[in-house]
Amino acid sequence: YGDLEGATSCKDCPSNLDKEGATSCKVACPAGEVAVDGVCTPCQAGTFAAAGADVCTPCAKGSFAEVAGSESCTLCPVKTYGPVEGATECLPCDGNDSEGMVICNIVCPDGEVVEEGKCVPCPAGSYEDSDTCIPCAAEPSPRPPGPPRAISARRDRLRRRRAARRARSAR
């Protein structure tokens, strides 16, 4: 084939699929590979290509291709999920009971969150809010206005004693 004007010779096409007078070389690559500069090159892990494809395609959510040169993607197995396109592996999730899941279907009890597909309690010094562990505040919680009940009761006793003393001394 000849891709340049004014050439003094033609280039060889490795696929032997070029036609007389061709200006480009169409390389027919096997499944899992695409032509890069006329040479069949394996698709990266997380992508695939059918035989003769021009580009590698990322695996859809819920599937993966863990090795380079894949001709198709594999659905994420039971107890896993694939939340992103182009995955090379699926993430664990005990709550998933079918293949090809794209989210982790696990509901944790209050005070626990999902980590690596399992419910784990929030650590001491934190609490769970909307599936996230939130650190406890460093400053103490504000007290309600006014003195605490114990102090109020003590003041009331002291006032009654003083009033009783005054009443006795006034007699």
C-alpha atoms as a PDB file:
ATOM      1  CA  TYR A   1       0.000   0.000   0.000  1.00  0.00           C
ATOM      2  CA  GLY A   2       1.112   3.583  -0.404  1.00  0.00           C
ATOM      3  CA  ASP A   3       0.106   6.186   2.186  1.00  0.00           C
ATOM      4  CA  LEU A   4       2.361   9.010   0.872  1.00  0.00           C
ATOM      5  CA  GLU A   5       2.223  10.961  -2.382  1.00  0.00           C
ATOM      6  CA  GLY A   6       5.379  10.831  -4.499  1.00  0.00           C
ATOM      7  CA  ALA A   7       6.582   7.547  -2.950  1.00  0.00           C
ATOM      8  CA  THR A   8       9.201   5.511  -4.803  1.00  0.00           C
ATOM      9  CA  SER A   9       7.971   2.192  -3.379  1.00  0.00           C
ATOM     10  CA  CYS A  10       4.984   0.660  -1.597  1.00  0.00           C
ATOM     11  CA  LYS A  11       4.834  -0.543   2.022  1.00  0.00           C
ATOM     12  CA  ASP A  12       4.118  -4.122   2.941  1.00  0.00           C
ATOM     13  CA  CYS A  13       0.803  -4.882   4.692  1.00  0.00           C
ATOM     14  CA  PRO A  14       1.237  -7.710   7.218  1.00  0.00           C
ATOM     15  CA  SER A  15      -2.377  -8.846   6.897  1.00  0.00           C
ATOM     16  CA  ASN A  16      -2.157  -9.296   3.134  1.00  0.00           C
ATOM     17  CA  LEU A  17      -5.670  -7.863   2.935  1.00  0.00           C
ATOM     18  CA  ASP A  18      -4.631  -4.733   1.025  1.00  0.00           C
ATOM     19  CA  LYS A  19      -5.882  -4.203  -2.477  1.00  0.00           C
ATOM     20  CA  GLU A  20      -4.017  -2.951  -5.469  1.00  0.00           C
ATOM     21  CA  GLY A  21      -3.735   0.838  -5.236  1.00  0.00           C
ATOM     22  CA  ALA A  22      -4.604   0.856  -1.497  1.00  0.00           C
ATOM     23  CA  THR A  23      -3.638   3.927   0.516  1.00  0.00           C
ATOM     24  CA  SER A  24      -3.881   2.237   3.925  1.00  0.00           C
ATOM     25  CA  CYS A  25      -3.344  -1.172   5.436  1.00  0.00           C
ATOM     26  CA  LYS A  26      -6.252  -2.818   7.222  1.00  0.00           C
ATOM     27  CA  VAL A  27      -4.862  -5.339   9.691  1.00  0.00           C
ATOM     28  CA  ALA A  28      -7.350  -8.015  10.791  1.00  0.00           C
ATOM     29  CA  CYS A  29      -6.384  -8.858  14.352  1.00  0.00           C
ATOM     30  CA  PRO A  30      -7.612 -11.850  16.340  1.00  0.00           C
ATOM     31  CA  ALA A  31     -10.035 -11.468  19.269  1.00  0.00           C
ATOM     32  CA  GLY A  32      -8.478  -9.597  22.190  1.00  0.00           C
ATOM     33  CA  GLU A  33      -6.164  -7.544  19.958  1.00  0.00           C
ATOM     34  CA  VAL A  34      -6.391  -4.390  17.829  1.00  0.00           C
ATOM     35  CA  ALA A  35      -4.057  -2.885  15.237  1.00  0.00           C
ATOM     36  CA  VAL A  36      -1.696  -0.198  16.506  1.00  0.00           C
ATOM     37  CA  ASP A  37       0.497   1.223  13.716  1.00  0.00           C
ATOM     38  CA  GLY A  38      -0.233  -1.866  11.619  1.00  0.00           C
ATOM     39  CA  VAL A  39       0.735  -4.340  14.347  1.00  0.00           C
ATOM     40  CA  CYS A  40      -1.771  -6.422  16.354  1.00  0.00           C
ATOM     41  CA  THR A  41      -1.511  -5.426  20.015  1.00  0.00           C
ATOM     42  CA  PRO A  42      -3.325  -7.032  22.983  1.00  0.00           C
ATOM     43  CA  CYS A  43      -6.061  -4.974  24.675  1.00  0.00           C
ATOM     44  CA  GLN A  44      -5.265  -3.886  28.235  1.00  0.00           C
ATOM     45  CA  ALA A  45      -6.780  -5.693  31.224  1.00  0.00           C
ATOM     46  CA  GLY A  46     -10.281  -4.307  31.857  1.00  0.00           C
ATOM     47  CA  THR A  47     -10.991  -4.080  28.100  1.00  0.00           C
ATOM     48  CA  PHE A  48     -11.805  -6.526  25.285  1.00  0.00           C
ATOM     49  CA  ALA A  49     -12.037  -6.734  21.505  1.00  0.00           C
ATOM     50  CA  ALA A  50     -13.848  -9.082  19.145  1.00  0.00           C
ATOM     51  CA  ALA A  51     -11.906 -10.436  16.163  1.00  0.00           C
ATOM     52  CA  GLY A  52     -11.307  -7.665  13.604  1.00  0.00           C
ATOM     53  CA  ALA A  53     -12.327  -4.867  16.004  1.00  0.00           C
ATOM     54  CA  ASP A  54     -10.723  -1.445  15.509  1.00  0.00           C
ATOM     55  CA  VAL A  55     -10.647  -0.465  19.216  1.00  0.00           C
ATOM     56  CA  CYS A  56     -10.586  -2.111  22.625  1.00  0.00           C
ATOM     57  CA  THR A  57     -13.847  -1.645  24.557  1.00  0.00           C
ATOM     58  CA  PRO A  58     -13.945  -1.193  28.358  1.00  0.00           C
ATOM     59  CA  CYS A  59     -15.807  -3.903  30.255  1.00  0.00           C
ATOM     60  CA  ALA A  60     -19.281  -2.755  31.339  1.00  0.00           C
ATOM     61  CA  LYS A  61     -20.135  -2.215  35.017  1.00  0.00           C
ATOM     62  CA  GLY A  62     -20.785  -5.572  36.661  1.00  0.00           C
ATOM     63  CA  SER A  63     -18.104  -7.325  34.571  1.00  0.00           C
ATOM     64  CA  PHE A  64     -14.314  -7.539  34.388  1.00  0.00           C
ATOM     65  CA  ALA A  65     -11.304  -8.723  32.362  1.00  0.00           C
ATOM     66  CA  GLU A  66      -8.351  -9.433  34.609  1.00  0.00           C
ATOM     67  CA  VAL A  67      -5.785 -10.161  31.885  1.00  0.00           C
ATOM     68  CA  ALA A  68      -4.623  -8.318  28.773  1.00  0.00           C
ATOM     69  CA  GLY A  69      -5.816  -9.682  25.419  1.00  0.00           C
ATOM     70  CA  SER A  70      -9.353 -10.622  26.511  1.00  0.00           C
ATOM     71  CA  GLU A  71     -11.909 -11.348  23.819  1.00  0.00           C
ATOM     72  CA  SER A  72     -14.794 -10.778  26.228  1.00  0.00           C
ATOM     73  CA  CYS A  73     -15.528  -9.699  29.788  1.00  0.00           C
ATOM     74  CA  THR A  74     -16.702 -11.987  32.585  1.00  0.00           C
ATOM     75  CA  LEU A  75     -19.708 -11.163  34.774  1.00  0.00           C
ATOM     76  CA  CYS A  76     -18.848 -10.461  38.405  1.00  0.00           C
ATOM     77  CA  PRO A  77     -19.622 -13.648  40.370  1.00  0.00           C
ATOM     78  CA  VAL A  78     -22.109 -14.041  43.237  1.00  0.00           C
ATOM     79  CA  LYS A  79     -20.988 -12.251  46.462  1.00  0.00           C
ATOM     80  CA  THR A  80     -19.182  -9.530  44.424  1.00  0.00           C
ATOM     81  CA  TYR A  81     -19.991  -6.384  42.408  1.00  0.00           C
ATOM     82  CA  GLY A  82     -18.406  -4.195  39.722  1.00  0.00           C
ATOM     83  CA  PRO A  83     -19.201  -0.492  40.243  1.00  0.00           C
ATOM     84  CA  VAL A  84     -17.011   0.907  37.429  1.00  0.00           C
ATOM     85  CA  GLU A  85     -16.412   0.371  33.707  1.00  0.00           C
ATOM     86  CA  GLY A  86     -13.079  -1.132  32.707  1.00  0.00           C
ATOM     87  CA  ALA A  87     -12.685  -3.225  35.873  1.00  0.00           C
ATOM     88  CA  THR A  88      -9.884  -5.768  36.224  1.00  0.00           C
ATOM     89  CA  GLU A  89     -11.530  -7.368  39.266  1.00  0.00           C
ATOM     90  CA  CYS A  90     -14.804  -7.309  41.188  1.00  0.00           C
ATOM     91  CA  LEU A  91     -15.199  -6.129  44.771  1.00  0.00           C
ATOM     92  CA  PRO A  92     -16.469  -8.419  47.557  1.00  0.00           C
ATOM     93  CA  CYS A  93     -20.042  -8.007  48.838  1.00  0.00           C
ATOM     94  CA  ASP A  94     -21.699 -10.639  51.032  1.00  0.00           C
ATOM     95  CA  GLY A  95     -25.160  -9.211  50.259  1.00  0.00           C
ATOM     96  CA  ASN A  96     -25.116  -9.935  46.488  1.00  0.00           C
ATOM     97  CA  ASP A  97     -26.751 -13.192  45.476  1.00  0.00           C
ATOM     98  CA  SER A  98     -26.522 -12.986  41.669  1.00  0.00           C
ATOM     99  CA  GLU A  99     -23.905 -12.415  38.960  1.00  0.00           C
ATOM    100  CA  GLY A 100     -23.184  -9.084  37.259  1.00  0.00           C
ATOM    101  CA  MET A 101     -24.166  -6.821  40.164  1.00  0.00           C
ATOM    102  CA  VAL A 102     -23.091  -3.150  39.912  1.00  0.00           C
ATOM    103  CA  ILE A 103     -23.863  -2.147  43.542  1.00  0.00           C
ATOM    104  CA  CYS A 104     -23.359  -3.834  46.897  1.00  0.00           C
ATOM    105  CA  ASN A 105     -26.768  -4.857  48.270  1.00  0.00           C
ATOM    106  CA  ILE A 106     -25.957  -5.049  51.928  1.00  0.00           C
ATOM    107  CA  VAL A 107     -27.864  -3.300  54.701  1.00  0.00           C
ATOM    108  CA  CYS A 108     -26.043  -2.924  57.988  1.00  0.00           C
ATOM    109  CA  PRO A 109     -27.592  -2.471  61.424  1.00  0.00           C
ATOM    110  CA  ASP A 110     -27.391   0.961  63.085  1.00  0.00           C
ATOM    111  CA  GLY A 111     -23.847   1.793  64.184  1.00  0.00           C
ATOM    112  CA  GLU A 112     -22.253  -0.241  61.371  1.00  0.00           C
ATOM    113  CA  VAL A 113     -21.088   0.546  57.807  1.00  0.00           C
ATOM    114  CA  VAL A 114     -20.123  -1.529  54.737  1.00  0.00           C
ATOM    115  CA  GLU A 115     -16.366  -2.049  54.330  1.00  0.00           C
ATOM    116  CA  GLU A 116     -15.019  -4.487  51.751  1.00  0.00           C
ATOM    117  CA  GLY A 117     -18.485  -5.996  51.343  1.00  0.00           C
ATOM    118  CA  LYS A 118     -19.105  -6.683  55.038  1.00  0.00           C
ATOM    119  CA  CYS A 119     -20.792  -4.831  57.898  1.00  0.00           C
ATOM    120  CA  VAL A 120     -18.284  -3.522  60.423  1.00  0.00           C
ATOM    121  CA  PRO A 121     -19.008  -1.441  63.534  1.00  0.00           C
ATOM    122  CA  CYS A 122     -17.914   2.189  63.618  1.00  0.00           C
ATOM    123  CA  PRO A 123     -14.810   2.450  65.816  1.00  0.00           C
ATOM    124  CA  ALA A 124     -14.957   3.804  69.359  1.00  0.00           C
ATOM    125  CA  GLY A 125     -14.950   7.593  69.281  1.00  0.00           C
ATOM    126  CA  SER A 126     -17.293   7.749  66.287  1.00  0.00           C
ATOM    127  CA  TYR A 127     -20.911   7.109  65.344  1.00  0.00           C
ATOM    128  CA  GLU A 128     -22.735   5.999  62.169  1.00  0.00           C
ATOM    129  CA  ASP A 129     -24.752   8.527  60.195  1.00  0.00           C
ATOM    130  CA  SER A 130     -26.040   7.777  56.666  1.00  0.00           C
ATOM    131  CA  ASP A 131     -23.699   4.780  56.190  1.00  0.00           C
ATOM    132  CA  THR A 132     -20.618   6.793  57.224  1.00  0.00           C
ATOM    133  CA  CYS A 133     -18.636   6.718  60.486  1.00  0.00           C
ATOM    134  CA  ILE A 134     -18.421  10.265  61.858  1.00  0.00           C
ATOM    135  CA  PRO A 135     -15.784  11.141  64.514  1.00  0.00           C
ATOM    136  CA  CYS A 136     -17.221  12.401  67.802  1.00  0.00           C
ATOM    137  CA  ALA A 137     -16.731  16.143  68.390  1.00  0.00           C
ATOM    138  CA  ALA A 138     -13.675  17.230  70.418  1.00  0.00           C
ATOM    139  CA  GLU A 139     -15.530  19.824  72.524  1.00  0.00           C
ATOM    140  CA  PRO A 140     -18.205  18.756  75.016  1.00  0.00           C
ATOM    141  CA  SER A 141     -21.842  19.025  74.095  1.00  0.00           C
ATOM    142  CA  PRO A 142     -23.403  22.342  75.144  1.00  0.00           C
ATOM    143  CA  ARG A 143     -25.366  22.140  78.421  1.00  0.00           C
ATOM    144  CA  PRO A 144     -28.908  23.385  78.553  1.00  0.00           C
ATOM    145  CA  PRO A 145     -29.233  26.927  79.961  1.00  0.00           C
ATOM    146  CA  GLY A 146     -29.344  27.246  83.748  1.00  0.00           C
ATOM    147  CA  PRO A 147     -27.549  25.338  86.496  1.00  0.00           C
ATOM    148  CA  PRO A 148     -27.605  21.555  86.632  1.00  0.00           C
ATOM    149  CA  ARG A 149     -30.341  20.012  88.807  1.00  0.00           C
ATOM    150  CA  ALA A 150     -27.972  18.926  91.586  1.00  0.00           C
ATOM    151  CA  ILE A 151     -26.704  22.484  92.010  1.00  0.00           C
ATOM    152  CA  SER A 152     -30.257  23.912  91.940  1.00  0.00           C
ATOM    153  CA  ALA A 153     -31.409  21.470  94.646  1.00  0.00           C
ATOM    154  CA  ARG A 154     -28.418  22.337  96.849  1.00  0.00           C
ATOM    155  CA  ARG A 155     -29.090  26.067  96.480  1.00  0.00           C
ATOM    156  CA  ASP A 156     -32.746  25.521  97.420  1.00  0.00           C
ATOM    157  CA  ARG A 157     -31.705  23.661 100.647  1.00  0.00           C
ATOM    158  CA  LEU A 158     -29.259  26.421 101.564  1.00  0.00           C
ATOM    159  CA  ARG A 159     -31.914  29.123 101.007  1.00  0.00           C
ATOM    160  CA  ARG A 160     -34.408  27.243 103.209  1.00  0.00           C
ATOM    161  CA  ARG A 161     -31.819  26.838 106.011  1.00  0.00           C
ATOM    162  CA  ARG A 162     -30.949  30.558 105.892  1.00  0.00           C
ATOM    163  CA  ALA A 163     -34.622  31.502 105.905  1.00  0.00           C
ATOM    164  CA  ALA A 164     -35.202  29.196 108.895  1.00  0.00           C
ATOM    165  CA  ARG A 165     -32.231  30.733 110.795  1.00  0.00           C
ATOM    166  CA  ARG A 166     -33.530  34.240 110.125  1.00  0.00           C
ATOM    167  CA  ALA A 167     -36.961  33.290 111.327  1.00  0.00           C
ATOM    168  CA  ARG A 168     -35.503  31.855 114.592  1.00  0.00           C
ATOM    169  CA  SER A 169     -33.265  34.831 115.218  1.00  0.00           C
ATOM    170  CA  ALA A 170     -36.161  37.241 114.597  1.00  0.00           C
ATOM    171  CA  ARG A 171     -38.179  35.687 117.492  1.00  0.00           C
END
